[in-house]
Amino acid sequence: HPKKQIYLHHTAGNADGEGTFKYWGNNNERVATCVTI
């Protein structure tokens, strides 16, 4: 889809960006952001 907006979030979690994606990858909800920092 054409991209028009960028949203800034924080995880309310620990510092591990890779760990955040591992958690999202296991929840089967398609809830995620494009990147973590």
Full PDB file with SEQRES, HELIX, SHEET, SSBOND, CRYST1, ORIGX, SCALE, CONECT and MASTER records, all heavy atoms in Angstrom:
SEQRES   1 A   37  HIS PRO LYS LYS GLN ILE TYR LEU HIS HIS THR ALA GLY          
SEQRES   2 A   37  ASN ALA ASP GLY GLU GLY THR PHE LYS TYR TRP GLY ASN          
SEQRES   3 A   37  ASN ASN GLU ARG VAL ALA THR CYS VAL THR ILE                  
HELIX    1 AA1 GLY A   17  GLY A   25  1                                   9    
CRYST1    1.000    1.000    1.000  90.00  90.00  90.00 P 1           1          
ORIGX1      1.000000  0.000000  0.000000        0.00000                         
ORIGX2      0.000000  1.000000  0.000000        0.00000                         
ORIGX3      0.000000  0.000000  1.000000        0.00000                         
SCALE1      1.000000  0.000000  0.000000        0.00000                         
SCALE2      0.000000  1.000000  0.000000        0.00000                         
SCALE3      0.000000  0.000000  1.000000        0.00000                         
ATOM      1  N   HIS A   1       0.855  -1.179   0.000  1.00  0.00           N  
ATOM      2  CA  HIS A   1       0.000   0.000   0.000  1.00  0.00           C  
ATOM      3  C   HIS A   1       0.900   1.242   0.000  1.00  0.00           C  
ATOM      4  O   HIS A   1       1.990   1.213   0.571  1.00  0.00           O  
ATOM      5  CB  HIS A   1      -0.898   0.034   1.241  1.00  0.00           C  
ATOM      6  CG  HIS A   1      -1.866  -1.108   1.318  1.00  0.00           C  
ATOM      7  ND1 HIS A   1      -3.113  -1.069   0.731  1.00  0.00           N  
ATOM      8  CD2 HIS A   1      -1.764  -2.334   1.891  1.00  0.00           C  
ATOM      9  CE1 HIS A   1      -3.737  -2.210   0.946  1.00  0.00           C  
ATOM     10  NE2 HIS A   1      -2.938  -2.996   1.643  1.00  0.00           N  
ATOM     11  N   PRO A   2       0.462   2.338  -0.612  1.00  0.00           N  
ATOM     12  CA  PRO A   2       1.243   3.580  -0.551  1.00  0.00           C  
ATOM     13  C   PRO A   2       1.448   3.985   0.911  1.00  0.00           C  
ATOM     14  O   PRO A   2       0.515   3.900   1.710  1.00  0.00           O  
ATOM     15  CB  PRO A   2       0.365   4.588  -1.293  1.00  0.00           C  
ATOM     16  CG  PRO A   2      -0.530   3.756  -2.164  1.00  0.00           C  
ATOM     17  CD  PRO A   2      -0.776   2.496  -1.393  1.00  0.00           C  
ATOM     18  N   LYS A   3       2.655   4.420   1.258  1.00  0.00           N  
ATOM     19  CA  LYS A   3       2.952   4.807   2.631  1.00  0.00           C  
ATOM     20  C   LYS A   3       2.922   6.331   2.773  1.00  0.00           C  
ATOM     21  O   LYS A   3       3.599   7.046   2.025  1.00  0.00           O  
ATOM     22  CB  LYS A   3       4.319   4.268   3.059  1.00  0.00           C  
ATOM     23  CG  LYS A   3       4.420   2.744   2.985  1.00  0.00           C  
ATOM     24  CD  LYS A   3       3.388   2.047   3.847  1.00  0.00           C  
ATOM     25  CE  LYS A   3       3.477   0.542   3.716  1.00  0.00           C  
ATOM     26  NZ  LYS A   3       2.474  -0.171   4.528  1.00  0.00           N  
ATOM     27  N   LYS A   4       2.108   6.794   3.725  1.00  0.00           N  
ATOM     28  CA  LYS A   4       1.935   8.231   3.927  1.00  0.00           C  
ATOM     29  C   LYS A   4       2.330   8.677   5.330  1.00  0.00           C  
ATOM     30  O   LYS A   4       2.603   9.851   5.552  1.00  0.00           O  
ATOM     31  CB  LYS A   4       0.469   8.609   3.693  1.00  0.00           C  
ATOM     32  CG  LYS A   4      -0.036   8.354   2.287  1.00  0.00           C  
ATOM     33  CD  LYS A   4      -1.538   8.565   2.184  1.00  0.00           C  
ATOM     34  CE  LYS A   4      -1.959   9.964   2.590  1.00  0.00           C  
ATOM     35  NZ  LYS A   4      -3.431  10.160   2.495  1.00  0.00           N  
ATOM     36  N   GLN A   5       2.321   7.745   6.276  1.00  0.00           N  
ATOM     37  CA  GLN A   5       2.539   8.117   7.664  1.00  0.00           C  
ATOM     38  C   GLN A   5       3.609   7.236   8.319  1.00  0.00           C  
ATOM     39  O   GLN A   5       3.801   6.091   7.930  1.00  0.00           O  
ATOM     40  CB  GLN A   5       1.243   7.972   8.471  1.00  0.00           C  
ATOM     41  CG  GLN A   5       0.088   8.837   7.992  1.00  0.00           C  
ATOM     42  CD  GLN A   5      -1.151   8.627   8.844  1.00  0.00           C  
ATOM     43  OE1 GLN A   5      -1.486   7.502   9.226  1.00  0.00           O  
ATOM     44  NE2 GLN A   5      -1.848   9.701   9.152  1.00  0.00           N  
ATOM     45  N   ILE A   6       4.268   7.805   9.344  1.00  0.00           N  
ATOM     46  CA  ILE A   6       5.188   7.065  10.194  1.00  0.00           C  
ATOM     47  C   ILE A   6       4.736   7.281  11.635  1.00  0.00           C  
ATOM     48  O   ILE A   6       4.491   8.424  12.037  1.00  0.00           O  
ATOM     49  CB  ILE A   6       6.642   7.543  10.032  1.00  0.00           C  
ATOM     50  CG1 ILE A   6       7.100   7.367   8.581  1.00  0.00           C  
ATOM     51  CG2 ILE A   6       7.572   6.784  10.984  1.00  0.00           C  
ATOM     52  CD1 ILE A   6       8.428   8.037   8.272  1.00  0.00           C  
ATOM     53  N   TYR A   7       4.599   6.193  12.382  1.00  0.00           N  
ATOM     54  CA  TYR A   7       4.193   6.286  13.792  1.00  0.00           C  
ATOM     55  C   TYR A   7       5.327   5.824  14.697  1.00  0.00           C  
ATOM     56  O   TYR A   7       5.931   4.771  14.457  1.00  0.00           O  
ATOM     57  CB  TYR A   7       2.947   5.440  14.056  1.00  0.00           C  
ATOM     58  CG  TYR A   7       1.680   6.079  13.550  1.00  0.00           C  
ATOM     59  CD1 TYR A   7       1.232   5.852  12.251  1.00  0.00           C  
ATOM     60  CD2 TYR A   7       0.939   6.935  14.361  1.00  0.00           C  
ATOM     61  CE1 TYR A   7       0.077   6.445  11.775  1.00  0.00           C  
ATOM     62  CE2 TYR A   7      -0.219   7.543  13.888  1.00  0.00           C  
ATOM     63  CZ  TYR A   7      -0.644   7.293  12.600  1.00  0.00           C  
ATOM     64  OH  TYR A   7      -1.786   7.895  12.136  1.00  0.00           O  
ATOM     65  N   LEU A   8       5.581   6.620  15.732  1.00  0.00           N  
ATOM     66  CA  LEU A   8       6.613   6.306  16.721  1.00  0.00           C  
ATOM     67  C   LEU A   8       5.971   5.661  17.938  1.00  0.00           C  
ATOM     68  O   LEU A   8       5.041   6.213  18.527  1.00  0.00           O  
ATOM     69  CB  LEU A   8       7.366   7.576  17.125  1.00  0.00           C  
ATOM     70  CG  LEU A   8       7.993   8.362  15.973  1.00  0.00           C  
ATOM     71  CD1 LEU A   8       8.676   9.613  16.505  1.00  0.00           C  
ATOM     72  CD2 LEU A   8       8.989   7.499  15.202  1.00  0.00           C  
ATOM     73  N   HIS A   9       6.454   4.485  18.294  1.00  0.00           N  
ATOM     74  CA  HIS A   9       5.968   3.722  19.436  1.00  0.00           C  
ATOM     75  C   HIS A   9       7.129   3.438  20.393  1.00  0.00           C  
ATOM     76  O   HIS A   9       8.291   3.511  20.002  1.00  0.00           O  
ATOM     77  CB  HIS A   9       5.443   2.346  19.009  1.00  0.00           C  
ATOM     78  CG  HIS A   9       4.353   2.329  18.012  1.00  0.00           C  
ATOM     79  ND1 HIS A   9       3.040   2.119  18.362  1.00  0.00           N  
ATOM     80  CD2 HIS A   9       4.367   2.447  16.662  1.00  0.00           C  
ATOM     81  CE1 HIS A   9       2.286   2.111  17.261  1.00  0.00           C  
ATOM     82  NE2 HIS A   9       3.074   2.308  16.219  1.00  0.00           N  
ATOM     83  N   HIS A  10       6.814   3.038  21.621  1.00  0.00           N  
ATOM     84  CA  HIS A  10       7.788   2.293  22.412  1.00  0.00           C  
ATOM     85  C   HIS A  10       7.130   1.032  22.943  1.00  0.00           C  
ATOM     86  O   HIS A  10       5.908   0.948  23.077  1.00  0.00           O  
ATOM     87  CB  HIS A  10       8.446   3.141  23.513  1.00  0.00           C  
ATOM     88  CG  HIS A  10       7.538   3.667  24.571  1.00  0.00           C  
ATOM     89  ND1 HIS A  10       7.583   4.971  25.033  1.00  0.00           N  
ATOM     90  CD2 HIS A  10       6.558   3.078  25.316  1.00  0.00           C  
ATOM     91  CE1 HIS A  10       6.687   5.143  25.982  1.00  0.00           C  
ATOM     92  NE2 HIS A  10       6.056   4.002  26.175  1.00  0.00           N  
ATOM     93  N   THR A  11       7.952   0.033  23.227  1.00  0.00           N  
ATOM     94  CA  THR A  11       7.448  -1.315  23.482  1.00  0.00           C  
ATOM     95  C   THR A  11       6.800  -1.497  24.844  1.00  0.00           C  
ATOM     96  O   THR A  11       6.024  -2.427  25.036  1.00  0.00           O  
ATOM     97  CB  THR A  11       8.599  -2.337  23.396  1.00  0.00           C  
ATOM     98  OG1 THR A  11       9.636  -1.940  24.308  1.00  0.00           O  
ATOM     99  CG2 THR A  11       9.162  -2.421  21.992  1.00  0.00           C  
ATOM    100  N   ALA A  12       7.147  -0.637  25.837  1.00  0.00           N  
ATOM    101  CA  ALA A  12       6.792  -0.906  27.231  1.00  0.00           C  
ATOM    102  C   ALA A  12       7.362  -2.264  27.630  1.00  0.00           C  
ATOM    103  O   ALA A  12       6.721  -3.067  28.300  1.00  0.00           O  
ATOM    104  CB  ALA A  12       5.286  -0.846  27.470  1.00  0.00           C  
ATOM    105  N   GLY A  13       8.587  -2.500  27.182  1.00  0.00           N  
ATOM    106  CA  GLY A  13       9.254  -3.762  27.455  1.00  0.00           C  
ATOM    107  C   GLY A  13      10.752  -3.577  27.570  1.00  0.00           C  
ATOM    108  O   GLY A  13      11.248  -2.448  27.647  1.00  0.00           O  
ATOM    109  N   ASN A  14      11.487  -4.680  27.560  1.00  0.00           N  
ATOM    110  CA  ASN A  14      12.929  -4.608  27.765  1.00  0.00           C  
ATOM    111  C   ASN A  14      13.650  -4.096  26.517  1.00  0.00           C  
ATOM    112  O   ASN A  14      13.015  -3.734  25.528  1.00  0.00           O  
ATOM    113  CB  ASN A  14      13.474  -5.966  28.220  1.00  0.00           C  
ATOM    114  CG  ASN A  14      13.312  -7.055  27.169  1.00  0.00           C  
ATOM    115  OD1 ASN A  14      13.375  -6.799  25.970  1.00  0.00           O  
ATOM    116  ND2 ASN A  14      13.100  -8.288  27.620  1.00  0.00           N  
ATOM    117  N   ALA A  15      14.964  -4.106  26.574  1.00  0.00           N  
ATOM    118  CA  ALA A  15      15.769  -3.430  25.564  1.00  0.00           C  
ATOM    119  C   ALA A  15      16.041  -4.259  24.316  1.00  0.00           C  
ATOM    120  O   ALA A  15      16.668  -3.767  23.381  1.00  0.00           O  
ATOM    121  CB  ALA A  15      17.112  -3.014  26.186  1.00  0.00           C  
ATOM    122  N   ASP A  16      15.584  -5.491  24.268  1.00  0.00           N  
ATOM    123  CA  ASP A  16      15.970  -6.430  23.217  1.00  0.00           C  
ATOM    124  C   ASP A  16      15.073  -6.335  21.985  1.00  0.00           C  
ATOM    125  O   ASP A  16      13.952  -6.854  21.975  1.00  0.00           O  
ATOM    126  CB  ASP A  16      15.935  -7.851  23.793  1.00  0.00           C  
ATOM    127  CG  ASP A  16      16.487  -8.898  22.837  1.00  0.00           C  
ATOM    128  OD1 ASP A  16      16.802  -8.565  21.684  1.00  0.00           O  
ATOM    129  OD2 ASP A  16      16.602 -10.064  23.263  1.00  0.00           O  
ATOM    130  N   GLY A  17      15.568  -5.696  20.942  1.00  0.00           N  
ATOM    131  CA  GLY A  17      14.790  -5.547  19.712  1.00  0.00           C  
ATOM    132  C   GLY A  17      14.537  -6.861  19.008  1.00  0.00           C  
ATOM    133  O   GLY A  17      13.435  -7.104  18.501  1.00  0.00           O  
ATOM    134  N   GLU A  18      15.543  -7.747  18.959  1.00  0.00           N  
ATOM    135  CA  GLU A  18      15.352  -9.049  18.319  1.00  0.00           C  
ATOM    136  C   GLU A  18      14.370  -9.897  19.122  1.00  0.00           C  
ATOM    137  O   GLU A  18      13.533 -10.602  18.558  1.00  0.00           O  
ATOM    138  CB  GLU A  18      16.695  -9.771  18.179  1.00  0.00           C  
ATOM    139  CG  GLU A  18      17.614  -9.145  17.148  1.00  0.00           C  
ATOM    140  CD  GLU A  18      18.819 -10.015  16.841  1.00  0.00           C  
ATOM    141  OE1 GLU A  18      18.795 -11.214  17.188  1.00  0.00           O  
ATOM    142  OE2 GLU A  18      19.780  -9.489  16.253  1.00  0.00           O  
ATOM    143  N   GLY A  19      14.465  -9.823  20.440  1.00  0.00           N  
ATOM    144  CA  GLY A  19      13.556 -10.574  21.300  1.00  0.00           C  
ATOM    145  C   GLY A  19      12.113 -10.142  21.116  1.00  0.00           C  
ATOM    146  O   GLY A  19      11.186 -10.960  21.199  1.00  0.00           O  
ATOM    147  N   THR A  20      11.914  -8.852  20.852  1.00  0.00           N  
ATOM    148  CA  THR A  20      10.565  -8.338  20.616  1.00  0.00           C  
ATOM    149  C   THR A  20       9.950  -9.002  19.398  1.00  0.00           C  
ATOM    150  O   THR A  20       8.792  -9.424  19.414  1.00  0.00           O  
ATOM    151  CB  THR A  20      10.599  -6.805  20.429  1.00  0.00           C  
ATOM    152  OG1 THR A  20      11.122  -6.190  21.605  1.00  0.00           O  
ATOM    153  CG2 THR A  20       9.207  -6.258  20.162  1.00  0.00           C  
ATOM    154  N   PHE A  21      10.726  -9.131  18.331  1.00  0.00           N  
ATOM    155  CA  PHE A  21      10.203  -9.781  17.129  1.00  0.00           C  
ATOM    156  C   PHE A  21       9.971 -11.271  17.339  1.00  0.00           C  
ATOM    157  O   PHE A  21       9.029 -11.843  16.785  1.00  0.00           O  
ATOM    158  CB  PHE A  21      11.138  -9.555  15.944  1.00  0.00           C  
ATOM    159  CG  PHE A  21      10.859  -8.281  15.204  1.00  0.00           C  
ATOM    160  CD1 PHE A  21      11.782  -7.251  15.176  1.00  0.00           C  
ATOM    161  CD2 PHE A  21       9.650  -8.105  14.550  1.00  0.00           C  
ATOM    162  CE1 PHE A  21      11.511  -6.070  14.508  1.00  0.00           C  
ATOM    163  CE2 PHE A  21       9.372  -6.922  13.876  1.00  0.00           C  
ATOM    164  CZ  PHE A  21      10.302  -5.906  13.860  1.00  0.00           C  
ATOM    165  N   LYS A  22      10.812 -11.906  18.130  1.00  0.00           N  
ATOM    166  CA  LYS A  22      10.597 -13.332  18.419  1.00  0.00           C  
ATOM    167  C   LYS A  22       9.267 -13.520  19.143  1.00  0.00           C  
ATOM    168  O   LYS A  22       8.518 -14.466  18.864  1.00  0.00           O  
ATOM    169  CB  LYS A  22      11.751 -13.866  19.261  1.00  0.00           C  
ATOM    170  CG  LYS A  22      13.050 -14.019  18.493  1.00  0.00           C  
ATOM    171  CD  LYS A  22      14.175 -14.499  19.387  1.00  0.00           C  
ATOM    172  CE  LYS A  22      15.479 -14.605  18.603  1.00  0.00           C  
ATOM    173  NZ  LYS A  22      16.604 -15.011  19.485  1.00  0.00           N  
ATOM    174  N   TYR A  23       8.958 -12.610  20.062  1.00  0.00           N  
ATOM    175  CA  TYR A  23       7.680 -12.675  20.779  1.00  0.00           C  
ATOM    176  C   TYR A  23       6.524 -12.478  19.814  1.00  0.00           C  
ATOM    177  O   TYR A  23       5.557 -13.261  19.811  1.00  0.00           O  
ATOM    178  CB  TYR A  23       7.647 -11.616  21.880  1.00  0.00           C  
ATOM    179  CG  TYR A  23       6.277 -11.438  22.501  1.00  0.00           C  
ATOM    180  CD1 TYR A  23       5.771 -12.371  23.404  1.00  0.00           C  
ATOM    181  CD2 TYR A  23       5.484 -10.337  22.164  1.00  0.00           C  
ATOM    182  CE1 TYR A  23       4.510 -12.229  23.956  1.00  0.00           C  
ATOM    183  CE2 TYR A  23       4.219 -10.187  22.712  1.00  0.00           C  
ATOM    184  CZ  TYR A  23       3.743 -11.124  23.607  1.00  0.00           C  
ATOM    185  OH  TYR A  23       2.487 -10.967  24.152  1.00  0.00           O  
ATOM    186  N   TRP A  24       6.609 -11.457  18.977  1.00  0.00           N  
ATOM    187  CA  TRP A  24       5.539 -11.202  18.010  1.00  0.00           C  
ATOM    188  C   TRP A  24       5.372 -12.382  17.060  1.00  0.00           C  
ATOM    189  O   TRP A  24       4.263 -12.732  16.664  1.00  0.00           O  
ATOM    190  CB  TRP A  24       5.834  -9.939  17.212  1.00  0.00           C  
ATOM    191  CG  TRP A  24       5.587  -8.672  17.967  1.00  0.00           C  
ATOM    192  CD1 TRP A  24       4.735  -8.490  19.020  1.00  0.00           C  
ATOM    193  CD2 TRP A  24       6.199  -7.405  17.725  1.00  0.00           C  
ATOM    194  NE1 TRP A  24       4.787  -7.183  19.441  1.00  0.00           N  
ATOM    195  CE2 TRP A  24       5.674  -6.494  18.671  1.00  0.00           C  
ATOM    196  CE3 TRP A  24       7.146  -6.946  16.810  1.00  0.00           C  
ATOM    197  CZ2 TRP A  24       6.054  -5.151  18.715  1.00  0.00           C  
ATOM    198  CZ3 TRP A  24       7.521  -5.622  16.844  1.00  0.00           C  
ATOM    199  CH2 TRP A  24       6.985  -4.734  17.788  1.00  0.00           C  
ATOM    200  N   GLY A  25       6.482 -13.004  16.674  1.00  0.00           N  
ATOM    201  CA  GLY A  25       6.431 -14.108  15.726  1.00  0.00           C  
ATOM    202  C   GLY A  25       5.723 -15.330  16.263  1.00  0.00           C  
ATOM    203  O   GLY A  25       5.299 -16.193  15.494  1.00  0.00           O  
ATOM    204  N   ASN A  26       5.587 -15.399  17.571  1.00  0.00           N  
ATOM    205  CA  ASN A  26       4.951 -16.556  18.192  1.00  0.00           C  
ATOM    206  C   ASN A  26       3.498 -16.339  18.590  1.00  0.00           C  
ATOM    207  O   ASN A  26       2.844 -17.253  19.097  1.00  0.00           O  
ATOM    208  CB  ASN A  26       5.743 -16.977  19.439  1.00  0.00           C  
ATOM    209  CG  ASN A  26       7.093 -17.570  19.088  1.00  0.00           C  
ATOM    210  OD1 ASN A  26       7.235 -18.229  18.073  1.00  0.00           O  
ATOM    211  ND2 ASN A  26       8.088 -17.323  19.917  1.00  0.00           N  
ATOM    212  N   ASN A  27       2.978 -15.107  18.388  1.00  0.00           N  
ATOM    213  CA  ASN A  27       1.618 -14.853  18.891  1.00  0.00           C  
ATOM    214  C   ASN A  27       0.523 -15.002  17.835  1.00  0.00           C  
ATOM    215  O   ASN A  27      -0.656 -14.971  18.161  1.00  0.00           O  
ATOM    216  CB  ASN A  27       1.532 -13.471  19.550  1.00  0.00           C  
ATOM    217  CG  ASN A  27       1.760 -12.321  18.582  1.00  0.00           C  
ATOM    218  OD1 ASN A  27       1.699 -12.492  17.363  1.00  0.00           O  
ATOM    219  ND2 ASN A  27       2.021 -11.142  19.118  1.00  0.00           N  
ATOM    220  N   ASN A  28       0.922 -15.154  16.563  1.00  0.00           N  
ATOM    221  CA  ASN A  28      -0.043 -15.407  15.476  1.00  0.00           C  
ATOM    222  C   ASN A  28      -1.115 -14.334  15.321  1.00  0.00           C  
ATOM    223  O   ASN A  28      -2.188 -14.597  14.788  1.00  0.00           O  
ATOM    224  CB  ASN A  28      -0.728 -16.773  15.665  1.00  0.00           C  
ATOM    225  CG  ASN A  28       0.252 -17.922  15.576  1.00  0.00           C  
ATOM    226  OD1 ASN A  28       1.126 -17.924  14.717  1.00  0.00           O  
ATOM    227  ND2 ASN A  28       0.122 -18.885  16.472  1.00  0.00           N  
ATOM    228  N   GLU A  29      -0.825 -13.108  15.772  1.00  0.00           N  
ATOM    229  CA  GLU A  29      -1.832 -12.051  15.709  1.00  0.00           C  
ATOM    230  C   GLU A  29      -1.547 -11.005  14.633  1.00  0.00           C  
ATOM    231  O   GLU A  29      -2.323 -10.100  14.439  1.00  0.00           O  
ATOM    232  CB  GLU A  29      -1.927 -11.355  17.078  1.00  0.00           C  
ATOM    233  CG  GLU A  29      -2.442 -12.266  18.187  1.00  0.00           C  
ATOM    234  CD  GLU A  29      -2.455 -11.571  19.538  1.00  0.00           C  
ATOM    235  OE1 GLU A  29      -1.931 -10.442  19.630  1.00  0.00           O  
ATOM    236  OE2 GLU A  29      -2.990 -12.152  20.487  1.00  0.00           O  
ATOM    237  N   ARG A  30      -0.434 -11.110  13.968  1.00  0.00           N  
ATOM    238  CA  ARG A  30      -0.028 -10.118  12.976  1.00  0.00           C  
ATOM    239  C   ARG A  30       0.010  -8.718  13.572  1.00  0.00           C  
ATOM    240  O   ARG A  30      -0.391  -7.742  12.951  1.00  0.00           O  
ATOM    241  CB  ARG A  30      -0.943 -10.173  11.745  1.00  0.00           C  
ATOM    242  CG  ARG A  30      -0.822 -11.493  10.990  1.00  0.00           C  
ATOM    243  CD  ARG A  30      -1.559 -11.475   9.678  1.00  0.00           C  
ATOM    244  NE  ARG A  30      -1.422 -12.762   8.999  1.00  0.00           N  
ATOM    245  CZ  ARG A  30      -1.928 -13.048   7.805  1.00  0.00           C  
ATOM    246  NH1 ARG A  30      -2.617 -12.121   7.157  1.00  0.00           N  
ATOM    247  NH2 ARG A  30      -1.768 -14.222   7.257  1.00  0.00           N  
ATOM    248  N   VAL A  31       0.461  -8.665  14.815  1.00  0.00           N  
ATOM    249  CA  VAL A  31       0.667  -7.388  15.501  1.00  0.00           C  
ATOM    250  C   VAL A  31       2.160  -7.146  15.576  1.00  0.00           C  
ATOM    251  O   VAL A  31       2.890  -7.937  16.175  1.00  0.00           O  
ATOM    252  CB  VAL A  31       0.067  -7.410  16.916  1.00  0.00           C  
ATOM    253  CG1 VAL A  31       0.399  -6.119  17.654  1.00  0.00           C  
ATOM    254  CG2 VAL A  31      -1.439  -7.612  16.855  1.00  0.00           C  
ATOM    255  N   ALA A  32       2.622  -6.086  14.949  1.00  0.00           N  
ATOM    256  CA  ALA A  32       4.054  -5.790  14.923  1.00  0.00           C  
ATOM    257  C   ALA A  32       4.281  -4.426  14.300  1.00  0.00           C  
ATOM    258  O   ALA A  32       3.392  -3.875  13.646  1.00  0.00           O  
ATOM    259  CB  ALA A  32       4.819  -6.851  14.127  1.00  0.00           C  
ATOM    260  N   THR A  33       5.467  -3.897  14.491  1.00  0.00           N  
ATOM    261  CA  THR A  33       5.906  -2.731  13.720  1.00  0.00           C  
ATOM    262  C   THR A  33       6.962  -3.202  12.729  1.00  0.00           C  
ATOM    263  O   THR A  33       7.538  -4.279  12.880  1.00  0.00           O  
ATOM    264  CB  THR A  33       6.499  -1.652  14.638  1.00  0.00           C  
ATOM    265  OG1 THR A  33       7.518  -2.222  15.455  1.00  0.00           O  
ATOM    266  CG2 THR A  33       5.421  -1.029  15.516  1.00  0.00           C  
ATOM    267  N   CYS A  34       7.218  -2.389  11.747  1.00  0.00           N  
ATOM    268  CA  CYS A  34       8.195  -2.743  10.721  1.00  0.00           C  
ATOM    269  C   CYS A  34       9.579  -2.957  11.328  1.00  0.00           C  
ATOM    270  O   CYS A  34      10.287  -3.890  10.962  1.00  0.00           O  
ATOM    271  CB  CYS A  34       8.237  -1.639   9.673  1.00  0.00           C  
ATOM    272  SG  CYS A  34       9.504  -1.836   8.419  1.00  0.00           S  
ATOM    273  N   VAL A  35       9.951  -2.082  12.262  1.00  0.00           N  
ATOM    274  CA  VAL A  35      11.278  -2.166  12.888  1.00  0.00           C  
ATOM    275  C   VAL A  35      11.174  -1.993  14.397  1.00  0.00           C  
ATOM    276  O   VAL A  35      10.214  -1.402  14.908  1.00  0.00           O  
ATOM    277  CB  VAL A  35      12.257  -1.103  12.333  1.00  0.00           C  
ATOM    278  CG1 VAL A  35      12.468  -1.258  10.837  1.00  0.00           C  
ATOM    279  CG2 VAL A  35      11.778   0.306  12.656  1.00  0.00           C  
ATOM    280  N   THR A  36      12.178  -2.511  15.094  1.00  0.00           N  
ATOM    281  CA  THR A  36      12.393  -2.191  16.500  1.00  0.00           C  
ATOM    282  C   THR A  36      13.774  -1.551  16.619  1.00  0.00           C  
ATOM    283  O   THR A  36      14.634  -1.751  15.745  1.00  0.00           O  
ATOM    284  CB  THR A  36      12.344  -3.437  17.405  1.00  0.00           C  
ATOM    285  OG1 THR A  36      13.370  -4.354  16.996  1.00  0.00           O  
ATOM    286  CG2 THR A  36      10.986  -4.124  17.330  1.00  0.00           C  
ATOM    287  N   ILE A  37      13.971  -0.797  17.687  1.00  0.00           N  
ATOM    288  CA  ILE A  37      15.280  -0.196  17.938  1.00  0.00           C  
ATOM    289  C   ILE A  37      15.739  -0.623  19.329  1.00  0.00           C  
ATOM    290  O   ILE A  37      15.135  -0.247  20.341  1.00  0.00           O  
ATOM    291  CB  ILE A  37      15.232   1.340  17.831  1.00  0.00           C  
ATOM    292  CG1 ILE A  37      14.744   1.761  16.441  1.00  0.00           C  
ATOM    293  CG2 ILE A  37      16.626   1.928  18.099  1.00  0.00           C  
ATOM    294  CD1 ILE A  37      14.618   3.261  16.265  1.00  0.00           C  
TER     295      ILE A  37                                                      
MASTER        0    0    0    1    0    0    0    6  294    1    0    3          
END                                                                             
